[in-house]
């Protein structure tokens, strides 16, 4: 990686900021020696911390921001009064071309709203979506939306499918990623109207996607499809449930191997394998959701992430910049500029009709 990259960091965003941001940047500095950072935040707080991290300091330029967006601030409030916040000024670095991307662990709603307003969306996209990787039995899959859009129209879901498929092709290296809509059942009559309409449009084949229909929650871990499409409510619940389950399994394992002398002896023999399992289940390894559809690289780190998790999010931003993701997505939508993502209402295929009640049972 010869070309130098610059990434803006919202140093004041997140539960453990600014300590986790600086420590995460220091880990990322070792992984990506060609990356420079614009550290955006309160200079009076950040400068003394940087003095204790001389190697990181050489890769950092401080950008003063006197304010920050609070975790409980409403998106509209952040837009109105967050002009001098570290989040807004970090976004400005990308908008003005001073950084190729940004990473923030701050307020998700505010970050999405500011990114959409000040970076704008790509042509053909109504709403950006949060996308990230998911560990599966077959490797990894992409899932979106993870919480940016609680309610979605059929058009939004179709756009998410197109963006997620491109994301999987570029980042996962899938030649023809399979796509599925997350639903309460695999039958065509299941789910709300927007889901059924989106499925009908995707089945019509207007867009060259390998659409596999509806999938259920257990299909996510199975790796049934490469791209899982959901509204932000369902996607966020699935994400948080998976994170909680991973922590539960890890806790059960710890308790089990401490339960007796024989169990502790067994742990000594299985220690290497268990370390690999723990690393595989570690949510920090998958930290960093990308705002797909925004005209700029914006990566949202989990608000409670530690330094290692934040470094992972920085790595996601580096990958997206190096893959030229924004340019590729622009070309993808330019190719289909003559074909709307969703046909006009008069042309839209009718959603599948529900069968009689007795046939739908079970």
Protein backbone atom coordinates (compact mmCIF):
# COMPACT_ATOMS: atom_id res chain seq x y z
CA UNK A 1 0.00 0.00 0.00
CA UNK A 2 2.18 2.83 -1.29
CA UNK A 3 -0.42 5.60 -1.56
CA UNK A 4 -0.96 7.54 1.64
CA UNK A 5 -4.50 7.79 2.95
CA UNK A 6 -6.06 10.23 5.38
CA UNK A 7 -8.93 9.29 7.69
CA UNK A 8 -10.82 11.67 9.96
CA UNK A 9 -11.59 10.37 13.45
CA UNK A 10 -14.39 11.71 15.64
CA UNK A 11 -12.29 11.68 18.81
CA UNK A 12 -15.14 12.67 21.14
CA UNK A 13 -17.78 10.17 19.98
CA UNK A 14 -18.58 6.97 21.89
CA UNK A 15 -18.87 5.75 25.46
CA UNK A 16 -15.11 5.41 25.96
CA UNK A 17 -13.93 8.46 24.02
CA UNK A 18 -11.42 9.90 23.63
CA UNK A 19 -9.23 7.19 25.22
CA UNK A 20 -10.50 4.29 23.09
CA UNK A 21 -10.27 6.40 19.93
CA UNK A 22 -6.61 7.27 20.49
CA UNK A 23 -5.69 3.74 21.53
CA UNK A 24 -7.59 2.35 18.58
CA UNK A 25 -5.83 4.77 16.23
CA UNK A 26 -2.51 3.63 17.67
CA UNK A 27 -3.35 -0.02 16.90
CA UNK A 28 -4.49 0.97 13.40
CA UNK A 29 -1.29 2.95 12.88
CA UNK A 30 0.73 -0.25 13.26
CA UNK A 31 -1.56 -2.19 10.93
CA UNK A 32 -1.73 0.54 8.28
CA UNK A 33 1.53 2.51 8.23
CA UNK A 34 0.41 4.41 5.12
CA UNK A 35 -2.54 6.03 6.94
CA UNK A 36 -2.56 9.51 8.48
CA UNK A 37 -5.28 10.66 10.86
CA UNK A 38 -7.15 13.91 11.32
CA UNK A 39 -8.04 13.71 15.01
CA UNK A 40 -11.10 15.91 15.52
CA UNK A 41 -12.01 16.99 19.03
CA UNK A 42 -11.20 19.17 22.01
CA UNK A 43 -7.54 20.06 21.58
CA UNK A 44 -7.11 20.80 25.31
CA UNK A 45 -8.03 17.19 26.11
CA UNK A 46 -6.37 15.48 23.16
CA UNK A 47 -2.98 17.20 23.08
CA UNK A 48 -1.80 15.95 26.51
CA UNK A 49 -2.88 12.40 25.63
CA UNK A 50 -0.99 12.53 22.33
CA UNK A 51 2.17 13.60 24.15
CA UNK A 52 2.17 10.21 25.85
CA UNK A 53 1.85 8.49 22.45
CA UNK A 54 4.73 9.96 20.40
CA UNK A 55 4.56 7.42 17.56
CA UNK A 56 0.87 8.05 17.04
CA UNK A 57 1.42 11.80 17.28
CA UNK A 58 3.63 11.67 14.17
CA UNK A 59 0.72 10.27 12.17
CA UNK A 60 -1.88 12.69 13.57
CA UNK A 61 -3.01 16.22 12.80
CA UNK A 62 -5.24 17.74 15.45
CA UNK A 63 -8.39 19.51 14.27
CA UNK A 64 -10.01 21.46 17.09
CA UNK A 65 -13.72 20.98 17.75
CA UNK A 66 -14.99 22.56 20.97
CA UNK A 67 -18.28 20.64 21.14
CA UNK A 68 -19.51 17.07 20.81
CA UNK A 69 -22.78 15.34 19.96
CA UNK A 70 -24.22 13.60 23.01
CA UNK A 71 -25.39 10.01 23.00
CA UNK A 72 -28.96 11.11 23.77
CA UNK A 73 -29.10 14.06 21.37
CA UNK A 74 -31.81 13.88 18.73
CA UNK A 75 -30.68 13.91 15.10
CA UNK A 76 -32.58 17.15 14.41
CA UNK A 77 -30.97 18.79 17.43
CA UNK A 78 -27.50 17.73 16.26
CA UNK A 79 -28.16 19.16 12.81
CA UNK A 80 -29.29 22.48 14.24
CA UNK A 81 -26.73 23.01 16.98
CA UNK A 82 -23.84 20.66 16.17
CA UNK A 83 -21.95 22.93 13.78
CA UNK A 84 -18.89 23.00 16.05
CA UNK A 85 -19.12 19.39 17.17
CA UNK A 86 -16.36 16.87 16.54
CA UNK A 87 -18.79 14.77 14.46
CA UNK A 88 -19.79 17.62 12.15
CA UNK A 89 -16.23 18.87 11.68
CA UNK A 90 -15.03 15.31 10.95
CA UNK A 91 -17.70 15.06 8.24
CA UNK A 92 -16.55 18.41 6.87
CA UNK A 93 -13.04 16.99 6.44
CA UNK A 94 -14.46 14.39 4.04
CA UNK A 95 -16.76 16.85 2.28
CA UNK A 96 -13.87 19.26 1.68
CA UNK A 97 -11.58 16.48 0.41
CA UNK A 98 -9.12 16.73 3.31
CA UNK A 99 -9.86 13.10 4.30
CA UNK A 100 -10.95 10.13 2.20
CA UNK A 101 -13.18 8.74 4.95
CA UNK A 102 -14.19 9.05 8.58
CA UNK A 103 -14.81 6.82 11.59
CA UNK A 104 -17.05 7.72 14.51
CA UNK A 105 -18.36 5.82 17.52
CA UNK A 106 -20.82 8.61 18.26
CA UNK A 107 -24.59 8.96 18.10
CA UNK A 108 -25.80 6.79 15.20
CA UNK A 109 -28.87 8.86 14.31
CA UNK A 110 -26.93 12.12 14.33
CA UNK A 111 -24.08 10.63 12.27
CA UNK A 112 -26.51 9.33 9.66
CA UNK A 113 -28.45 12.60 9.50
CA UNK A 114 -25.33 14.75 9.21
CA UNK A 115 -23.76 12.44 6.63
CA UNK A 116 -26.91 12.48 4.52
CA UNK A 117 -27.29 16.28 4.68
CA UNK A 118 -23.67 17.38 4.30
CA UNK A 119 -22.21 14.59 2.15
CA UNK A 120 -25.51 13.92 0.35
CA UNK A 121 -26.61 10.59 -1.06
CA UNK A 122 -25.49 9.02 -4.30
CA UNK A 123 -27.78 9.46 -7.32
CA UNK A 124 -30.57 6.88 -7.26
CA UNK A 125 -30.45 6.37 -3.47
CA UNK A 126 -33.23 7.69 -1.25
CA UNK A 127 -31.94 6.48 2.11
CA UNK A 128 -28.48 5.28 3.11
CA UNK A 129 -28.25 1.99 4.98
CA UNK A 130 -25.86 0.66 7.60
CA UNK A 131 -24.11 -2.50 6.43
CA UNK A 132 -21.62 -4.77 8.12
CA UNK A 133 -20.25 -8.31 8.10
CA UNK A 134 -21.75 -11.27 9.90
CA UNK A 135 -19.93 -14.53 10.77
CA UNK A 136 -21.67 -17.59 9.35
CA UNK A 137 -21.14 -21.33 9.05
CA UNK A 138 -19.91 -20.74 5.51
CA UNK A 139 -17.65 -17.75 6.20
CA UNK A 140 -19.08 -14.24 6.23
CA UNK A 141 -22.16 -12.49 4.93
CA UNK A 142 -23.25 -8.87 4.56
CA UNK A 143 -26.28 -7.56 6.42
CA UNK A 144 -28.15 -4.29 6.00
CA UNK A 145 -29.85 -2.19 7.30
CA UNK A 146 -28.57 -2.40 10.88
CA UNK A 147 -30.54 0.44 12.42
CA UNK A 148 -30.46 3.56 10.28
CA UNK A 149 -34.00 3.19 8.90
CA UNK A 150 -36.59 1.80 11.30
CA UNK A 151 -39.37 1.86 8.70
CA UNK A 152 -38.65 1.10 5.04
CA UNK A 153 -40.64 1.16 1.83
CA UNK A 154 -40.33 -1.52 -0.81
CA UNK A 155 -38.20 0.90 -2.80
CA UNK A 156 -35.79 1.30 0.11
CA UNK A 157 -35.44 -2.47 0.48
CA UNK A 158 -34.75 -2.92 -3.24
CA UNK A 159 -32.09 -0.20 -3.09
CA UNK A 160 -30.54 -1.91 -0.04
CA UNK A 161 -30.41 -5.17 -2.01
CA UNK A 162 -28.59 -3.52 -4.92
CA UNK A 163 -26.09 -1.76 -2.63
CA UNK A 164 -25.52 -4.84 -0.47
CA UNK A 165 -24.89 -7.04 -3.51
CA UNK A 166 -22.23 -4.62 -4.79
CA UNK A 167 -20.70 -4.42 -1.29
CA UNK A 168 -20.45 -8.23 -1.14
CA UNK A 169 -18.89 -8.41 -4.59
CA UNK A 170 -16.23 -5.83 -3.78
CA UNK A 171 -15.42 -6.66 -0.17
CA UNK A 172 -16.18 -10.38 0.16
CA UNK A 173 -15.03 -11.15 -3.37
CA UNK A 174 -18.22 -13.01 -4.28
CA UNK A 175 -18.61 -13.22 -8.05
CA UNK A 176 -22.40 -13.57 -7.86
CA UNK A 177 -23.61 -12.92 -4.30
CA UNK A 178 -26.95 -14.39 -3.33
CA UNK A 179 -29.51 -12.03 -1.80
CA UNK A 180 -32.35 -12.72 0.63
CA UNK A 181 -35.00 -10.65 2.42
CA UNK A 182 -35.24 -11.25 6.18
CA UNK A 183 -38.80 -12.24 7.06
CA UNK A 184 -40.85 -14.20 9.60
CA UNK A 185 -41.09 -17.13 7.20
CA UNK A 186 -39.91 -18.28 3.80
CA UNK A 187 -43.40 -18.56 2.30
CA UNK A 188 -44.40 -15.91 -0.25
CA UNK A 189 -47.48 -14.81 1.71
CA UNK A 190 -45.52 -14.10 4.93
CA UNK A 191 -44.47 -10.64 6.11
CA UNK A 192 -45.82 -7.12 5.72
CA UNK A 193 -46.80 -5.55 2.43
CA UNK A 194 -43.53 -3.67 1.85
CA UNK A 195 -41.55 -6.91 2.15
CA UNK A 196 -43.83 -8.77 -0.24
CA UNK A 197 -43.75 -5.95 -2.76
CA UNK A 198 -39.94 -5.72 -2.60
CA UNK A 199 -39.70 -9.48 -3.10
CA UNK A 200 -42.01 -9.29 -6.12
CA UNK A 201 -39.87 -6.58 -7.69
CA UNK A 202 -36.64 -8.50 -7.08
CA UNK A 203 -38.14 -11.71 -8.45
CA UNK A 204 -39.18 -9.86 -11.61
CA UNK A 205 -35.51 -9.72 -12.57
CA UNK A 206 -35.35 -6.04 -13.47
CA UNK A 207 -32.04 -5.96 -11.59
CA UNK A 208 -29.39 -8.65 -12.21
CA UNK A 209 -29.35 -10.01 -8.65
CA UNK A 210 -29.33 -13.64 -7.58
CA UNK A 211 -32.39 -13.21 -5.37
CA UNK A 212 -33.27 -16.27 -3.26
CA UNK A 213 -36.51 -14.98 -1.75
CA UNK A 214 -37.34 -14.77 1.95
CA UNK A 215 -35.05 -16.08 4.65
CA UNK A 216 -35.60 -16.49 8.38
CA UNK A 217 -33.50 -15.53 11.39
CA UNK A 218 -31.68 -18.85 11.63
CA UNK A 219 -30.60 -18.53 7.98
CA UNK A 220 -28.31 -15.64 8.94
CA UNK A 221 -25.90 -17.86 10.87
CA UNK A 222 -26.28 -20.69 8.37
CA UNK A 223 -24.99 -18.45 5.60
CA UNK A 224 -27.97 -19.32 3.42
CA UNK A 225 -27.37 -16.13 1.42
CA UNK A 226 -24.42 -13.76 1.03
CA UNK A 227 -26.50 -10.60 1.50
CA UNK A 228 -29.23 -10.31 4.14
CA UNK A 229 -31.60 -7.38 3.52
CA UNK A 230 -33.83 -6.07 6.32
CA UNK A 231 -35.39 -2.89 7.62
CA UNK A 232 -33.36 -1.16 10.31
CA UNK A 233 -35.56 -2.38 13.16
CA UNK A 234 -35.26 -6.07 12.30
CA UNK A 235 -31.60 -5.78 11.32
CA UNK A 236 -30.59 -4.06 14.54
CA UNK A 237 -32.48 -6.59 16.68
CA UNK A 238 -30.76 -9.44 14.82
CA UNK A 239 -27.35 -7.80 15.25
CA UNK A 240 -27.73 -7.13 18.98
CA UNK A 241 -29.15 -10.62 19.54
CA UNK A 242 -26.15 -12.18 17.80
CA UNK A 243 -23.71 -10.07 19.85
CA UNK A 244 -25.46 -11.00 23.06
CA UNK A 245 -25.52 -14.68 22.14
CA UNK A 246 -21.79 -14.63 21.41
CA UNK A 247 -21.10 -13.15 24.86
CA UNK A 248 -23.48 -15.67 26.47
CA UNK A 249 -21.71 -18.63 24.86
CA UNK A 250 -18.31 -17.28 25.93
CA UNK A 251 -19.56 -16.80 29.50
CA UNK A 252 -21.03 -20.31 29.62
CA UNK A 253 -17.74 -21.76 28.43
CA UNK A 254 -15.82 -19.89 31.15
CA UNK A 255 -18.20 -21.11 33.83
CA UNK A 256 -18.10 -24.68 32.54
CA UNK A 257 -14.32 -24.92 32.51
CA UNK A 258 -14.14 -23.52 36.05
CA UNK A 259 -16.75 -25.94 37.41
CA UNK A 260 -14.39 -28.77 38.47
CA UNK A 261 -10.78 -29.95 38.53
CA UNK A 262 -11.42 -32.26 35.57
CA UNK A 263 -12.98 -29.39 33.63
CA UNK A 264 -9.91 -27.23 34.27
CA UNK A 265 -7.65 -30.05 33.09
CA UNK A 266 -9.82 -30.34 29.98
CA UNK A 267 -9.41 -26.61 29.41
CA UNK A 268 -5.62 -26.99 29.47
CA UNK A 269 -5.84 -29.46 26.59
CA UNK A 270 -8.47 -27.47 24.66
CA UNK A 271 -7.01 -24.02 25.31
CA UNK A 272 -5.66 -23.42 21.81
CA UNK A 273 -8.94 -24.43 20.13
CA UNK A 274 -10.97 -22.35 22.57
CA UNK A 275 -8.86 -19.28 21.83
CA UNK A 276 -9.65 -19.70 18.15
CA UNK A 277 -13.35 -20.00 18.99
CA UNK A 278 -13.25 -16.90 21.16
CA UNK A 279 -11.58 -14.92 18.40
CA UNK A 280 -14.17 -16.15 15.90
CA UNK A 281 -17.04 -15.05 18.15
CA UNK A 282 -15.48 -11.74 19.24
CA UNK A 283 -17.86 -8.92 18.15
CA UNK A 284 -14.89 -6.54 17.96
CA UNK A 285 -13.66 -8.48 14.96
CA UNK A 286 -16.78 -7.40 13.03
CA UNK A 287 -17.00 -3.85 14.35
CA UNK A 288 -17.56 -1.09 11.86
CA UNK A 289 -20.80 -0.53 9.93
CA UNK A 290 -20.54 1.28 6.59
CA UNK A 291 -23.13 3.89 5.58
CA UNK A 292 -23.90 2.64 2.08
CA UNK A 293 -25.48 5.20 -0.23
CA UNK A 294 -23.72 8.25 1.23
CA UNK A 295 -21.38 10.13 -1.10
CA UNK A 296 -18.35 9.47 1.07
CA UNK A 297 -16.82 6.74 3.24
CA UNK A 298 -18.48 6.88 6.66
CA UNK A 299 -17.91 4.04 9.15
CA UNK A 300 -19.84 3.77 12.40
CA UNK A 301 -18.03 2.05 15.24
CA UNK A 302 -20.04 0.53 18.08
CA UNK A 303 -20.50 3.17 20.79
CA UNK A 304 -19.19 0.90 23.54
CA UNK A 305 -16.30 -0.53 21.58
CA UNK A 306 -12.81 -0.65 23.07
CA UNK A 307 -9.56 0.22 21.30
CA UNK A 308 -9.35 -3.06 19.40
CA UNK A 309 -12.89 -2.70 18.10
CA UNK A 310 -12.27 0.89 17.03
CA UNK A 311 -9.11 -0.19 15.20
CA UNK A 312 -11.21 -2.76 13.32
CA UNK A 313 -13.60 0.01 12.25
CA UNK A 314 -10.64 2.04 10.98
CA UNK A 315 -9.59 -1.02 8.98
CA UNK A 316 -13.03 -1.16 7.38
CA UNK A 317 -12.65 2.47 6.29
CA UNK A 318 -9.20 1.75 4.85
CA UNK A 319 -10.56 -1.20 2.87
CA UNK A 320 -13.46 0.81 1.46
CA UNK A 321 -11.15 3.59 0.33
CA UNK A 322 -8.68 1.21 -1.27
CA UNK A 323 -11.44 -0.69 -3.06
CA UNK A 324 -12.65 2.60 -4.56
CA UNK A 325 -16.11 1.75 -3.31
CA UNK A 326 -17.77 5.13 -3.88
CA UNK A 327 -16.57 5.34 -7.47
CA UNK A 328 -17.68 1.76 -8.14
CA UNK A 329 -21.12 2.37 -6.69
CA UNK A 330 -21.52 5.52 -8.79
CA UNK A 331 -20.67 3.53 -11.92
CA UNK A 332 -23.06 0.78 -10.88
CA UNK A 333 -25.98 3.17 -10.59
CA UNK A 334 -25.00 5.11 -13.71
CA UNK A 335 -25.26 1.86 -15.69
CA UNK A 336 -28.84 1.45 -14.54
CA UNK A 337 -29.68 5.17 -14.77
CA UNK A 338 -32.22 4.51 -17.51
CA UNK A 339 -33.95 1.86 -15.41
CA UNK A 340 -35.46 2.99 -12.11
CA UNK A 341 -34.65 0.78 -9.14
CA UNK A 342 -38.36 0.38 -8.57
CA UNK A 343 -40.83 0.58 -11.48
CA UNK A 344 -43.64 3.15 -11.37
CA UNK A 345 -46.72 2.04 -9.45
CA UNK A 346 -48.60 1.21 -12.64
CA UNK A 347 -45.79 -1.14 -13.71
CA UNK A 348 -44.94 -2.61 -10.34
CA UNK A 349 -45.75 -6.31 -10.03
CA UNK A 350 -48.61 -7.01 -7.64
CA UNK A 351 -47.57 -8.51 -4.31
CA UNK A 352 -48.36 -12.17 -3.82
CA UNK A 353 -51.91 -12.76 -2.64
CA UNK A 354 -52.36 -14.44 0.70
CA UNK A 355 -53.96 -17.89 0.46
CA UNK A 356 -57.07 -18.89 2.45
CA UNK A 357 -56.51 -18.92 6.18
CA UNK A 358 -56.65 -22.68 6.50
CA UNK A 359 -53.89 -23.07 3.90
CA UNK A 360 -51.65 -20.54 5.66
CA UNK A 361 -51.65 -22.34 8.98
CA UNK A 362 -48.35 -23.65 10.27
